[in-house]
Each structure stands twice: as structure tokens, then as C-alpha cells.
Amino acid sequence: MSATFDLNTRTGDTGPARLDFVEVDQNDPLATPLLQELAAEYASRYGRSPGVQYQELKSYPAQEFAPPGGVLVIALNDGVPVAGGAYRQYDATTAELKRIWTSKVHRGRGFGRLVVAELERSARARGYRRVYLTTGWNQPEAVALYLAAGYIPLYDRSLPSRTVGSHPFEKSLE
């Protein structure tokens, strides 16, 4: 399954970006660059080795992110992987978003927002009525993305991020 989106450009862009979403297995070569970059980013933010972080990302069984209960989507711009994300079944009515990512060189163009929207669309089509996710305490950009996308924080936002730890969110798909 795939979907296509044309984006308006922002100042400094050379033209409209076209994103094609494709569903892949986590071992697909299209997923590898994004998972590697995601591992490097997590490692830099949380003081872990990129190799260890990558192995942790790959330690989830691939079938968790495969139909019918889950999916891993990669956003392609002119055939190049630029963003992606996944979900897996959390419970009978809830999808858990994981691995939302935009490549560093493609940030600031709204790709993350489109990945989240594509994952929500797919989850809704598969019968999920709610989406749940967590993000790390040292990922303010992710928190901003989820708040802007209408997610409800399930933690006390008045507390310092580091003391909260993992930041859970939810959103109704109904």
C-alpha cells in the first residue's frame, strides 16, 4: 500500500516536495538509513552507543510492525527515504506509534506531521480507535509535533522533562 502527498514549499526550498509512502518490513533496505540515523540521534541525546541503540531498535520482532496489526511506513522523496514511522498493536482498539523520524537533512518541511497523519490514517483503516505513543524526555521537537497534531499528554507538563521520564500521549481516532 502507498499514498502520495504534495507539499507546499517553505522559504528556501527549491520546489514542491512529493512524498510517496510505502509499507516495508523493518529489514527492508529502505528502512535501514532511517533506523541508523534514529539510533545515532537517540544515542547522542541519551548517552548510548549508536550500535547498541540500533540493535535495540532492531530487537523488536519485525512482525509487530507488519499487517494486520501494525505497519512500518517510509516516506520517499524522489525515491530517497526521508522520513518514516511505525505502529504496532497496543491493545484491541489502540495502535502504538513508534519510530517517528525525519532525516536531519529533510527536517523543517513538515514531513514528520505527514508521517503521523499517514500512520493515523492507516491505523483508522485497520479498525483502531485510539493511538498511544511515548517519546523521550530529551525530545522537545517530538513533544511539539504531537501537541500540534492534537495528542493529549498523559503526564504533568508542569514538571521538568527529565523528572517525568518517558512522555506518554494519546489521541482518539474517532
C-alpha atoms as a PDB file:
ATOM      1  CA  MET A   1       0.000   0.000   0.000  1.00  0.00           C
ATOM      2  CA  SER A   2       1.215   3.506  -0.704  1.00  0.00           C
ATOM      3  CA  ALA A   3      -0.037   7.050  -0.538  1.00  0.00           C
ATOM      4  CA  THR A   4       1.290  10.232  -2.135  1.00  0.00           C
ATOM      5  CA  PHE A   5       1.338  13.777  -0.788  1.00  0.00           C
ATOM      6  CA  ASP A   6       2.462  17.009  -2.437  1.00  0.00           C
ATOM      7  CA  LEU A   7       3.755  19.610  -0.005  1.00  0.00           C
ATOM      8  CA  ASN A   8       3.818  23.354  -0.257  1.00  0.00           C
ATOM      9  CA  THR A   9       7.324  24.694  -0.069  1.00  0.00           C
ATOM     10  CA  ARG A  10       8.788  26.862   2.633  1.00  0.00           C
ATOM     11  CA  THR A  11      11.206  29.713   2.191  1.00  0.00           C
ATOM     12  CA  GLY A  12      14.467  28.411   0.767  1.00  0.00           C
ATOM     13  CA  ASP A  13      13.002  25.258  -0.771  1.00  0.00           C
ATOM     14  CA  THR A  14      13.683  24.639  -4.432  1.00  0.00           C
ATOM     15  CA  GLY A  15      10.214  23.376  -5.266  1.00  0.00           C
ATOM     16  CA  PRO A  16       7.293  21.313  -4.040  1.00  0.00           C
ATOM     17  CA  ALA A  17       8.213  18.105  -2.312  1.00  0.00           C
ATOM     18  CA  ARG A  18       6.382  14.935  -3.250  1.00  0.00           C
ATOM     19  CA  LEU A  19       6.254  12.201  -0.668  1.00  0.00           C
ATOM     20  CA  ASP A  20       5.330   8.656  -1.535  1.00  0.00           C
ATOM     21  CA  PHE A  21       4.577   6.425   1.453  1.00  0.00           C
ATOM     22  CA  VAL A  22       5.413   2.755   1.152  1.00  0.00           C
ATOM     23  CA  GLU A  23       4.878  -0.005   3.675  1.00  0.00           C
ATOM     24  CA  VAL A  24       8.015  -2.047   4.284  1.00  0.00           C
ATOM     25  CA  ASP A  25       9.415  -4.673   6.615  1.00  0.00           C
ATOM     26  CA  GLN A  26      11.825  -3.334   9.237  1.00  0.00           C
ATOM     27  CA  ASN A  27      14.615  -5.276   7.475  1.00  0.00           C
ATOM     28  CA  ASP A  28      13.907  -3.624   4.118  1.00  0.00           C
ATOM     29  CA  PRO A  29      16.873  -1.612   2.780  1.00  0.00           C
ATOM     30  CA  LEU A  30      14.609   1.470   2.577  1.00  0.00           C
ATOM     31  CA  ALA A  31      14.209   1.401   6.376  1.00  0.00           C
ATOM     32  CA  THR A  32      17.895   0.939   7.195  1.00  0.00           C
ATOM     33  CA  PRO A  33      19.140   4.535   6.725  1.00  0.00           C
ATOM     34  CA  LEU A  34      16.371   5.993   8.830  1.00  0.00           C
ATOM     35  CA  LEU A  35      16.752   3.430  11.610  1.00  0.00           C
ATOM     36  CA  GLN A  36      20.506   4.027  11.647  1.00  0.00           C
ATOM     37  CA  GLU A  37      20.051   7.789  11.845  1.00  0.00           C
ATOM     38  CA  LEU A  38      17.371   7.384  14.512  1.00  0.00           C
ATOM     39  CA  ALA A  39      19.755   5.217  16.545  1.00  0.00           C
ATOM     40  CA  ALA A  40      22.525   7.829  16.206  1.00  0.00           C
ATOM     41  CA  GLU A  41      20.133  10.584  17.306  1.00  0.00           C
ATOM     42  CA  TYR A  42      18.905   8.638  20.336  1.00  0.00           C
ATOM     43  CA  ALA A  43      22.497   7.785  21.227  1.00  0.00           C
ATOM     44  CA  SER A  44      23.561  11.438  21.120  1.00  0.00           C
ATOM     45  CA  ARG A  45      20.613  12.569  23.232  1.00  0.00           C
ATOM     46  CA  TYR A  46      20.748   9.813  25.833  1.00  0.00           C
ATOM     47  CA  GLY A  47      24.455   8.948  26.014  1.00  0.00           C
ATOM     48  CA  ARG A  48      24.348   5.478  24.486  1.00  0.00           C
ATOM     49  CA  SER A  49      26.354   3.841  21.742  1.00  0.00           C
ATOM     50  CA  PRO A  50      24.719   4.152  18.281  1.00  0.00           C
ATOM     51  CA  GLY A  51      25.410   0.452  17.672  1.00  0.00           C
ATOM     52  CA  VAL A  52      23.709  -0.586  20.894  1.00  0.00           C
ATOM     53  CA  GLN A  53      20.808   1.754  20.179  1.00  0.00           C
ATOM     54  CA  TYR A  54      20.426   0.360  16.632  1.00  0.00           C
ATOM     55  CA  GLN A  55      20.386  -3.210  17.945  1.00  0.00           C
ATOM     56  CA  GLU A  56      17.717  -2.197  20.456  1.00  0.00           C
ATOM     57  CA  LEU A  57      15.558  -0.746  17.661  1.00  0.00           C
ATOM     58  CA  LYS A  58      16.013  -3.933  15.643  1.00  0.00           C
ATOM     59  CA  SER A  59      15.293  -6.137  18.667  1.00  0.00           C
ATOM     60  CA  TYR A  60      11.544  -5.630  18.265  1.00  0.00           C
ATOM     61  CA  PRO A  61      10.167  -8.562  16.262  1.00  0.00           C
ATOM     62  CA  ALA A  62       9.538  -7.413  12.680  1.00  0.00           C
ATOM     63  CA  GLN A  63       6.039  -8.930  12.708  1.00  0.00           C
ATOM     64  CA  GLU A  64       4.971  -6.387  15.362  1.00  0.00           C
ATOM     65  CA  PHE A  65       5.233  -3.712  12.640  1.00  0.00           C
ATOM     66  CA  ALA A  66       3.555  -5.760   9.928  1.00  0.00           C
ATOM     67  CA  PRO A  67      -0.080  -6.183   8.918  1.00  0.00           C
ATOM     68  CA  PRO A  68      -2.597  -6.920  10.139  1.00  0.00           C
ATOM     69  CA  GLY A  69      -1.795  -5.315  13.500  1.00  0.00           C
ATOM     70  CA  GLY A  70       0.993  -2.949  12.579  1.00  0.00           C
ATOM     71  CA  VAL A  71       2.886  -1.206   9.834  1.00  0.00           C
ATOM     72  CA  LEU A  72       6.206   0.461   9.080  1.00  0.00           C
ATOM     73  CA  VAL A  73       5.987   3.244   6.505  1.00  0.00           C
ATOM     74  CA  ILE A  74       8.818   5.010   4.752  1.00  0.00           C
ATOM     75  CA  ALA A  75       8.287   8.394   3.101  1.00  0.00           C
ATOM     76  CA  LEU A  76      10.180   8.667  -0.158  1.00  0.00           C
ATOM     77  CA  ASN A  77      11.051  11.926  -1.902  1.00  0.00           C
ATOM     78  CA  ASP A  78      12.174  11.174  -5.466  1.00  0.00           C
ATOM     79  CA  GLY A  79      12.841   7.591  -4.360  1.00  0.00           C
ATOM     80  CA  VAL A  80      15.021   8.629  -1.413  1.00  0.00           C
ATOM     81  CA  PRO A  81      13.919   7.679   2.146  1.00  0.00           C
ATOM     82  CA  VAL A  82      13.405  10.973   4.019  1.00  0.00           C
ATOM     83  CA  ALA A  83      11.070  10.080   6.895  1.00  0.00           C
ATOM     84  CA  GLY A  84       9.155   7.216   8.389  1.00  0.00           C
ATOM     85  CA  GLY A  85       7.345   5.749  11.300  1.00  0.00           C
ATOM     86  CA  ALA A  86       5.550   2.689  12.523  1.00  0.00           C
ATOM     87  CA  TYR A  87       2.823   1.404  14.758  1.00  0.00           C
ATOM     88  CA  ARG A  88       2.051  -1.870  16.409  1.00  0.00           C
ATOM     89  CA  GLN A  89      -0.977  -3.192  18.248  1.00  0.00           C
ATOM     90  CA  TYR A  90      -1.072  -1.892  21.819  1.00  0.00           C
ATOM     91  CA  ASP A  91      -4.443  -3.420  22.672  1.00  0.00           C
ATOM     92  CA  ALA A  92      -7.579  -4.441  20.751  1.00  0.00           C
ATOM     93  CA  THR A  93      -8.557  -0.841  19.933  1.00  0.00           C
ATOM     94  CA  THR A  94      -5.243   1.027  20.245  1.00  0.00           C
ATOM     95  CA  ALA A  95      -2.240   1.394  17.933  1.00  0.00           C
ATOM     96  CA  GLU A  96       1.086   2.399  19.483  1.00  0.00           C
ATOM     97  CA  LEU A  97       3.144   4.761  17.326  1.00  0.00           C
ATOM     98  CA  LYS A  98       6.886   4.070  17.245  1.00  0.00           C
ATOM     99  CA  ARG A  99       9.975   5.269  15.375  1.00  0.00           C
ATOM    100  CA  ILE A 100       8.621   8.546  14.018  1.00  0.00           C
ATOM    101  CA  TRP A 101      11.587  10.018  12.200  1.00  0.00           C
ATOM    102  CA  THR A 102      12.668  12.605   9.654  1.00  0.00           C
ATOM    103  CA  SER A 103      16.185  12.560   8.274  1.00  0.00           C
ATOM    104  CA  LYS A 104      18.258  15.507   9.527  1.00  0.00           C
ATOM    105  CA  VAL A 105      18.723  16.986   6.066  1.00  0.00           C
ATOM    106  CA  HIS A 106      14.959  16.996   5.463  1.00  0.00           C
ATOM    107  CA  ARG A 107      13.697  18.485   8.719  1.00  0.00           C
ATOM    108  CA  GLY A 108      11.601  21.636   8.919  1.00  0.00           C
ATOM    109  CA  ARG A 109       9.490  20.730   5.886  1.00  0.00           C
ATOM    110  CA  GLY A 110       6.502  19.155   7.654  1.00  0.00           C
ATOM    111  CA  PHE A 111       7.446  15.552   6.875  1.00  0.00           C
ATOM    112  CA  GLY A 112       7.011  14.425  10.487  1.00  0.00           C
ATOM    113  CA  ARG A 113       3.481  15.800  10.516  1.00  0.00           C
ATOM    114  CA  LEU A 114       2.717  13.876   7.318  1.00  0.00           C
ATOM    115  CA  VAL A 115       4.181  10.648   8.699  1.00  0.00           C
ATOM    116  CA  VAL A 116       1.974  10.934  11.794  1.00  0.00           C
ATOM    117  CA  ALA A 117      -1.088  11.657   9.614  1.00  0.00           C
ATOM    118  CA  GLU A 118      -0.323   8.644   7.392  1.00  0.00           C
ATOM    119  CA  LEU A 119       0.085   6.366  10.411  1.00  0.00           C
ATOM    120  CA  GLU A 120      -3.205   7.635  11.873  1.00  0.00           C
ATOM    121  CA  ARG A 121      -4.966   7.085   8.533  1.00  0.00           C
ATOM    122  CA  SER A 122      -3.613   3.544   8.295  1.00  0.00           C
ATOM    123  CA  ALA A 123      -4.474   2.714  11.914  1.00  0.00           C
ATOM    124  CA  ARG A 124      -8.024   4.038  11.469  1.00  0.00           C
ATOM    125  CA  ALA A 125      -8.411   1.953   8.288  1.00  0.00           C
ATOM    126  CA  ARG A 126      -7.365  -1.140  10.268  1.00  0.00           C
ATOM    127  CA  GLY A 127     -10.050  -0.506  12.875  1.00  0.00           C
ATOM    128  CA  TYR A 128      -8.055   1.163  15.642  1.00  0.00           C
ATOM    129  CA  ARG A 129      -9.972   3.834  17.565  1.00  0.00           C
ATOM    130  CA  ARG A 130      -7.113   5.279  19.602  1.00  0.00           C
ATOM    131  CA  VAL A 131      -3.413   5.974  19.200  1.00  0.00           C
ATOM    132  CA  TYR A 132      -0.904   5.863  22.051  1.00  0.00           C
ATOM    133  CA  LEU A 133       2.768   6.796  21.990  1.00  0.00           C
ATOM    134  CA  THR A 134       5.679   7.705  24.198  1.00  0.00           C
ATOM    135  CA  THR A 135       8.622   9.937  23.484  1.00  0.00           C
ATOM    136  CA  GLY A 136      11.760  10.576  25.454  1.00  0.00           C
ATOM    137  CA  TRP A 137      12.307  13.352  27.950  1.00  0.00           C
ATOM    138  CA  ASN A 138      15.040  14.863  25.776  1.00  0.00           C
ATOM    139  CA  GLN A 139      12.996  15.177  22.582  1.00  0.00           C
ATOM    140  CA  PRO A 140      11.223  18.558  22.726  1.00  0.00           C
ATOM    141  CA  GLU A 141      10.698  18.580  18.950  1.00  0.00           C
ATOM    142  CA  ALA A 142       8.710  15.358  19.192  1.00  0.00           C
ATOM    143  CA  VAL A 143       6.626  16.736  22.056  1.00  0.00           C
ATOM    144  CA  ALA A 144       5.856  19.833  19.957  1.00  0.00           C
ATOM    145  CA  LEU A 145       4.902  17.677  16.957  1.00  0.00           C
ATOM    146  CA  TYR A 146       2.483  15.538  18.969  1.00  0.00           C
ATOM    147  CA  LEU A 147       0.890  18.517  20.699  1.00  0.00           C
ATOM    148  CA  ALA A 148       0.426  20.257  17.332  1.00  0.00           C
ATOM    149  CA  ALA A 149      -1.145  17.065  15.935  1.00  0.00           C
ATOM    150  CA  GLY A 150      -3.776  17.046  18.694  1.00  0.00           C
ATOM    151  CA  TYR A 151      -2.282  14.472  21.040  1.00  0.00           C
ATOM    152  CA  ILE A 152      -3.178  14.684  24.729  1.00  0.00           C
ATOM    153  CA  PRO A 153      -0.246  14.448  27.148  1.00  0.00           C
ATOM    154  CA  LEU A 154      -0.714  11.781  29.824  1.00  0.00           C
ATOM    155  CA  TYR A 155       1.845  13.346  32.157  1.00  0.00           C
ATOM    156  CA  ASP A 156       2.177  16.522  34.166  1.00  0.00           C
ATOM    157  CA  ARG A 157       3.622  19.086  31.751  1.00  0.00           C
ATOM    158  CA  SER A 158       4.480  21.426  34.623  1.00  0.00           C
ATOM    159  CA  LEU A 159       7.219  19.047  35.786  1.00  0.00           C
ATOM    160  CA  PRO A 160      10.740  19.215  34.348  1.00  0.00           C
ATOM    161  CA  SER A 161      11.035  16.813  31.393  1.00  0.00           C
ATOM    162  CA  ARG A 162      13.911  14.851  32.879  1.00  0.00           C
ATOM    163  CA  THR A 163      11.952  14.089  36.064  1.00  0.00           C
ATOM    164  CA  VAL A 164       8.954  12.846  34.059  1.00  0.00           C
ATOM    165  CA  GLY A 165      10.994  10.326  32.086  1.00  0.00           C
ATOM    166  CA  SER A 166       9.084   8.828  29.195  1.00  0.00           C
ATOM    167  CA  HIS A 167       6.359  11.200  27.925  1.00  0.00           C
ATOM    168  CA  PRO A 168       3.128   9.331  27.045  1.00  0.00           C
ATOM    169  CA  PHE A 169       0.432  10.767  24.732  1.00  0.00           C
ATOM    170  CA  GLU A 170      -2.878   9.583  23.323  1.00  0.00           C
ATOM    171  CA  LYS A 171      -5.304  10.622  20.625  1.00  0.00           C
ATOM    172  CA  SER A 172      -8.745   9.404  19.662  1.00  0.00           C
ATOM    173  CA  LEU A 173      -9.146   8.383  16.026  1.00  0.00           C
ATOM    174  CA  GLU A 174     -12.939   8.562  16.195  1.00  0.00           C
END
